Protein backbone atom coordinates (compact mmCIF):
# COMPACT_ATOMS: atom_id res chain seq x y z
CA GLN A 1 95.71 185.32 50.62
CA VAL A 2 93.48 186.71 53.36
CA GLN A 3 91.32 189.64 52.35
CA LEU A 4 89.96 192.15 54.83
CA VAL A 5 87.07 194.43 53.94
CA GLU A 6 86.05 197.45 55.99
CA SER A 7 82.67 199.12 55.78
CA GLY A 8 80.52 201.57 57.65
CA GLY A 9 82.38 204.79 57.08
CA GLY A 10 80.71 207.99 55.97
CA LEU A 11 80.02 211.61 56.71
CA VAL A 12 78.65 212.49 60.12
CA GLN A 13 78.26 215.63 62.20
CA ALA A 14 80.32 216.18 65.30
CA GLY A 15 78.76 214.35 68.22
CA GLY A 16 77.40 211.64 65.97
CA SER A 17 78.17 207.93 65.80
CA LEU A 18 79.34 205.40 63.28
CA ARG A 19 79.95 201.67 63.47
CA LEU A 20 82.74 200.28 61.35
CA SER A 21 82.86 196.63 60.40
CA CYS A 22 85.75 194.49 59.20
CA SER A 23 85.15 191.12 57.63
CA ALA A 24 87.74 188.57 56.54
CA SER A 25 87.82 186.00 53.77
CA GLU A 26 89.06 183.40 56.23
CA SER A 27 88.46 182.66 59.88
CA ILE A 28 91.45 184.46 61.30
CA PHE A 29 89.97 186.80 63.88
CA SER A 30 89.45 184.12 66.47
CA ILE A 31 93.13 183.17 66.55
CA ASN A 32 94.76 186.59 66.11
CA SER A 33 94.75 189.98 67.70
CA VAL A 34 93.09 192.62 65.55
CA GLY A 35 93.72 196.32 65.30
CA TRP A 36 91.86 199.32 63.95
CA TYR A 37 94.15 202.01 62.59
CA ARG A 38 93.53 205.39 61.04
CA GLN A 39 95.41 207.79 58.86
CA ALA A 40 94.48 211.41 58.45
CA PRO A 41 95.80 213.53 55.53
CA GLY A 42 99.42 214.50 56.13
CA LYS A 43 99.69 212.38 59.24
CA GLN A 44 101.14 209.03 60.09
CA ARG A 45 98.96 205.99 60.51
CA GLU A 46 98.10 205.38 64.17
CA LEU A 47 96.67 202.50 66.12
CA VAL A 48 93.23 203.45 67.39
CA ALA A 49 92.03 200.27 69.08
CA HIS A 50 93.25 196.72 69.58
CA ILE A 51 91.66 193.53 70.77
CA THR A 52 93.43 190.31 71.70
CA THR A 53 92.16 186.77 71.23
CA GLY A 54 91.22 186.82 74.90
CA GLY A 55 89.15 189.95 74.47
CA ILE A 56 91.53 192.37 76.12
CA THR A 57 91.16 195.80 74.56
CA ASP A 58 93.34 198.87 74.37
CA TYR A 59 92.71 202.30 72.94
CA LEU A 60 94.44 205.42 71.78
CA ASP A 61 94.11 207.94 74.59
CA SER A 62 92.14 210.39 72.49
CA VAL A 63 89.38 207.87 71.78
CA LYS A 64 89.08 206.22 75.18
CA GLY A 65 85.53 206.35 76.43
CA ARG A 66 84.19 207.10 72.95
CA PHE A 67 85.26 204.12 70.82
CA THR A 68 84.65 200.43 71.47
CA ILE A 69 86.26 197.55 69.63
CA SER A 70 84.54 194.19 69.61
CA ARG A 71 84.64 190.92 67.76
CA ASP A 72 82.15 188.29 66.66
CA ASN A 73 84.08 185.14 65.88
CA ALA A 74 80.95 183.36 64.65
CA LYS A 75 80.46 186.04 62.01
CA ASN A 76 84.21 186.40 61.41
CA ALA A 77 83.90 190.12 62.00
CA VAL A 78 85.41 192.87 64.10
CA TYR A 79 83.70 196.16 64.82
CA LEU A 80 84.59 199.64 65.93
CA GLN A 81 81.74 201.55 67.52
CA MET A 82 82.57 205.25 67.43
CA ASN A 83 80.49 207.67 69.49
CA SER A 84 80.78 211.37 70.22
CA LEU A 85 82.78 211.80 67.04
CA LYS A 86 84.95 214.87 66.65
CA PRO A 87 86.31 216.56 63.51
CA GLU A 88 89.80 215.35 64.50
CA ASP A 89 88.56 211.75 64.10
CA THR A 90 88.37 212.35 60.35
CA ALA A 91 90.61 209.80 58.65
CA VAL A 92 90.70 206.65 56.64
CA TYR A 93 90.17 203.74 59.00
CA TYR A 94 91.79 200.36 58.43
CA CYS A 95 91.56 197.00 60.15
CA ALA A 96 94.66 194.82 60.30
CA VAL A 97 95.49 191.27 61.31
CA ARG A 98 99.09 190.18 61.27
CA HIS A 99 100.41 191.60 57.98
CA TYR A 100 97.02 191.78 56.33
CA TRP A 101 95.31 195.11 55.81
CA GLY A 102 91.99 196.14 54.39
CA GLN A 103 91.51 198.89 51.83
CA GLY A 104 90.16 201.31 54.39
CA THR A 105 86.94 203.20 54.88
CA GLN A 106 86.65 206.97 54.98
CA VAL A 107 85.27 208.64 58.08
CA THR A 108 84.55 212.36 57.85
CA VAL A 109 83.28 214.30 60.81
CA SER A 110 81.97 217.78 60.11
CA SER A 111 81.98 220.52 62.71
């Protein structure tokens, strides 16, 4: 059973930055696409960023130019660099590979 663990969330003021990390118990990132999702209270979970095995990335329109997804296969980790954070970015952020999900990390952006 693959386990994913997210970290790096926290409380930040609007305009600030956070870097989320996702690590896996097995070396699965190098052979699978990886997604970062988020779910805000009362809202559906949405895909925020995605990276393929070839390094092709895609982003939710509202985070384009502010968020960057990257991977480090040697460290078996995937990252989400979040800059210019807005209060509407407040959510629990999850990484996912195939049908595996992490437990999530809370990101709170104060105005």
